[in-house]
Amino acid sequence: MGLILSLISFFDALILVVTGILGVDQVSQVVQGNTATAEQSAAASEELSGQSQLLKEMISRFKLKR
């Protein structure tokens, strides 16, 4: 989640620079796209976290003989 927030901050800073080059409408479209991507990444991260926890619980039932 920290990486996603860092990327969002990076894009926010980049927007300030790009605004002078592109029109505000284009920047708005880029921001919306980046926001959607960040939200999708966060959702996928949550899903993977849940799946990894489930896998961990399933694997914990097995014991290795040493």
N, C-alpha and C. Protein backbone atom coordinates (compact mmCIF):
# COMPACT_ATOMS: atom_id res chain seq x y z
N MET A 1 0.83 -1.18 0.00
CA MET A 1 0.00 0.00 0.00
C MET A 1 0.88 1.25 0.00
N GLY A 2 2.05 1.19 0.66
CA GLY A 2 2.96 2.33 0.70
C GLY A 2 3.47 2.70 -0.68
N LEU A 3 3.74 1.69 -1.48
CA LEU A 3 4.22 1.94 -2.84
C LEU A 3 3.16 2.66 -3.64
N ILE A 4 1.93 2.26 -3.48
CA ILE A 4 0.83 2.90 -4.22
C ILE A 4 0.71 4.36 -3.82
N LEU A 5 0.80 4.64 -2.52
CA LEU A 5 0.70 6.03 -2.07
C LEU A 5 1.88 6.85 -2.57
N SER A 6 3.06 6.23 -2.62
CA SER A 6 4.23 6.93 -3.16
C SER A 6 4.04 7.26 -4.64
N LEU A 7 3.48 6.30 -5.37
CA LEU A 7 3.22 6.53 -6.79
C LEU A 7 2.21 7.65 -6.99
N ILE A 8 1.18 7.67 -6.15
CA ILE A 8 0.18 8.72 -6.26
C ILE A 8 0.82 10.08 -5.99
N SER A 9 1.66 10.16 -4.97
CA SER A 9 2.36 11.42 -4.67
C SER A 9 3.25 11.84 -5.82
N PHE A 10 3.93 10.86 -6.41
CA PHE A 10 4.79 11.16 -7.55
C PHE A 10 3.98 11.74 -8.70
N PHE A 11 2.84 11.10 -8.98
CA PHE A 11 2.01 11.58 -10.07
C PHE A 11 1.42 12.95 -9.77
N ASP A 12 1.10 13.21 -8.53
CA ASP A 12 0.61 14.54 -8.16
C ASP A 12 1.66 15.61 -8.45
N ALA A 13 2.91 15.32 -8.09
CA ALA A 13 3.99 16.26 -8.36
C ALA A 13 4.22 16.42 -9.85
N LEU A 14 4.13 15.32 -10.56
CA LEU A 14 4.32 15.36 -12.00
C LEU A 14 3.24 16.19 -12.67
N ILE A 15 2.05 16.14 -12.13
CA ILE A 15 0.94 16.91 -12.69
C ILE A 15 1.24 18.40 -12.65
N LEU A 16 1.85 18.85 -11.59
CA LEU A 16 2.19 20.27 -11.50
C LEU A 16 3.11 20.70 -12.64
N VAL A 17 4.03 19.82 -13.00
CA VAL A 17 4.96 20.12 -14.09
C VAL A 17 4.26 20.02 -15.44
N VAL A 18 3.47 18.99 -15.60
CA VAL A 18 2.84 18.72 -16.89
C VAL A 18 1.73 19.71 -17.20
N THR A 19 1.13 20.29 -16.17
CA THR A 19 0.03 21.24 -16.39
C THR A 19 0.45 22.38 -17.30
N GLY A 20 1.68 22.83 -17.14
CA GLY A 20 2.17 23.91 -17.99
C GLY A 20 2.37 23.50 -19.43
N ILE A 21 2.53 22.21 -19.67
CA ILE A 21 2.78 21.71 -21.02
C ILE A 21 1.49 21.31 -21.70
N LEU A 22 0.67 20.58 -20.99
CA LEU A 22 -0.59 20.09 -21.55
C LEU A 22 -1.75 20.96 -21.06
N GLY A 23 -2.87 20.81 -21.67
CA GLY A 23 -4.06 21.50 -21.20
C GLY A 23 -4.58 20.84 -19.93
N VAL A 24 -5.33 21.58 -19.16
CA VAL A 24 -5.88 21.08 -17.91
C VAL A 24 -6.77 19.87 -18.14
N ASP A 25 -7.51 19.85 -19.24
CA ASP A 25 -8.38 18.71 -19.53
C ASP A 25 -7.58 17.43 -19.71
N GLN A 26 -6.46 17.53 -20.40
CA GLN A 26 -5.63 16.35 -20.61
C GLN A 26 -5.05 15.87 -19.28
N VAL A 27 -4.61 16.81 -18.45
CA VAL A 27 -4.06 16.44 -17.15
C VAL A 27 -5.14 15.77 -16.31
N SER A 28 -6.35 16.29 -16.36
CA SER A 28 -7.46 15.70 -15.61
C SER A 28 -7.70 14.26 -16.04
N GLN A 29 -7.63 14.01 -17.33
CA GLN A 29 -7.83 12.64 -17.84
C GLN A 29 -6.73 11.72 -17.33
N VAL A 30 -5.50 12.22 -17.32
CA VAL A 30 -4.37 11.41 -16.83
C VAL A 30 -4.55 11.11 -15.35
N VAL A 31 -4.96 12.11 -14.59
CA VAL A 31 -5.17 11.93 -13.15
C VAL A 31 -6.25 10.89 -12.91
N GLN A 32 -7.33 10.97 -13.65
CA GLN A 32 -8.42 10.00 -13.49
C GLN A 32 -7.94 8.59 -13.81
N GLY A 33 -7.15 8.48 -14.86
CA GLY A 33 -6.60 7.17 -15.22
C GLY A 33 -5.67 6.63 -14.15
N ASN A 34 -4.81 7.49 -13.62
CA ASN A 34 -3.88 7.07 -12.57
C ASN A 34 -4.62 6.69 -11.30
N THR A 35 -5.65 7.45 -10.97
CA THR A 35 -6.44 7.13 -9.79
C THR A 35 -7.12 5.78 -9.93
N ALA A 36 -7.68 5.53 -11.10
CA ALA A 36 -8.34 4.24 -11.33
C ALA A 36 -7.33 3.10 -11.23
N THR A 37 -6.15 3.30 -11.79
CA THR A 37 -5.12 2.27 -11.74
C THR A 37 -4.69 2.02 -10.30
N ALA A 38 -4.51 3.09 -9.53
CA ALA A 38 -4.12 2.95 -8.12
C ALA A 38 -5.19 2.21 -7.33
N GLU A 39 -6.45 2.52 -7.59
CA GLU A 39 -7.54 1.84 -6.89
C GLU A 39 -7.58 0.36 -7.27
N GLN A 40 -7.37 0.06 -8.54
CA GLN A 40 -7.36 -1.34 -8.97
C GLN A 40 -6.19 -2.09 -8.35
N SER A 41 -5.05 -1.43 -8.27
CA SER A 41 -3.87 -2.05 -7.66
C SER A 41 -4.11 -2.32 -6.18
N ALA A 42 -4.73 -1.37 -5.49
CA ALA A 42 -5.03 -1.56 -4.07
C ALA A 42 -6.00 -2.72 -3.87
N ALA A 43 -7.01 -2.80 -4.72
CA ALA A 43 -7.98 -3.89 -4.62
C ALA A 43 -7.31 -5.24 -4.88
N ALA A 44 -6.44 -5.30 -5.88
CA ALA A 44 -5.73 -6.54 -6.19
C ALA A 44 -4.81 -6.93 -5.04
N SER A 45 -4.17 -5.95 -4.43
CA SER A 45 -3.30 -6.20 -3.29
C SER A 45 -4.08 -6.78 -2.13
N GLU A 46 -5.25 -6.23 -1.85
CA GLU A 46 -6.10 -6.75 -0.78
C GLU A 46 -6.54 -8.18 -1.08
N GLU A 47 -6.89 -8.45 -2.31
CA GLU A 47 -7.31 -9.79 -2.71
C GLU A 47 -6.17 -10.78 -2.54
N LEU A 48 -4.99 -10.41 -3.00
CA LEU A 48 -3.83 -11.30 -2.87
C LEU A 48 -3.47 -11.53 -1.41
N SER A 49 -3.61 -10.51 -0.60
CA SER A 49 -3.34 -10.65 0.82
C SER A 49 -4.28 -11.67 1.45
N GLY A 50 -5.56 -11.58 1.12
CA GLY A 50 -6.53 -12.53 1.63
C GLY A 50 -6.25 -13.95 1.16
N GLN A 51 -5.88 -14.08 -0.10
CA GLN A 51 -5.58 -15.40 -0.65
C GLN A 51 -4.33 -15.99 -0.02
N SER A 52 -3.33 -15.15 0.22
CA SER A 52 -2.10 -15.65 0.84
C SER A 52 -2.36 -16.09 2.28
N GLN A 53 -3.23 -15.39 2.98
CA GLN A 53 -3.59 -15.79 4.34
C GLN A 53 -4.31 -17.14 4.32
N LEU A 54 -5.22 -17.31 3.39
CA LEU A 54 -5.94 -18.58 3.26
C LEU A 54 -4.97 -19.72 2.94
N LEU A 55 -4.04 -19.48 2.03
CA LEU A 55 -3.05 -20.49 1.67
C LEU A 55 -2.18 -20.83 2.88
N LYS A 56 -1.80 -19.82 3.64
CA LYS A 56 -0.99 -20.04 4.84
C LYS A 56 -1.74 -20.94 5.83
N GLU A 57 -3.02 -20.69 6.01
CA GLU A 57 -3.83 -21.51 6.91
C GLU A 57 -3.94 -22.95 6.40
N MET A 58 -4.10 -23.10 5.10
CA MET A 58 -4.22 -24.44 4.53
C MET A 58 -2.92 -25.22 4.67
N ILE A 59 -1.80 -24.55 4.43
CA ILE A 59 -0.49 -25.21 4.50
C ILE A 59 -0.13 -25.55 5.94
N SER A 60 -0.60 -24.76 6.89
CA SER A 60 -0.23 -24.98 8.29
C SER A 60 -0.75 -26.33 8.80
N ARG A 61 -1.69 -26.94 8.11
CA ARG A 61 -2.22 -28.24 8.52
C ARG A 61 -1.24 -29.37 8.27
N PHE A 62 -0.28 -29.14 7.39
CA PHE A 62 0.69 -30.16 7.06
C PHE A 62 1.91 -30.03 7.96
N LYS A 63 2.45 -31.16 8.39
CA LYS A 63 3.65 -31.19 9.22
C LYS A 63 4.72 -31.99 8.50
N LEU A 64 5.91 -31.44 8.45
CA LEU A 64 7.03 -32.14 7.83
C LEU A 64 7.76 -32.97 8.87
N LYS A 65 8.10 -34.18 8.51
CA LYS A 65 8.90 -35.03 9.42
C LYS A 65 10.37 -34.67 9.22
N ARG A 66 11.06 -34.58 10.32
CA ARG A 66 12.49 -34.26 10.23
C ARG A 66 13.33 -35.44 10.67
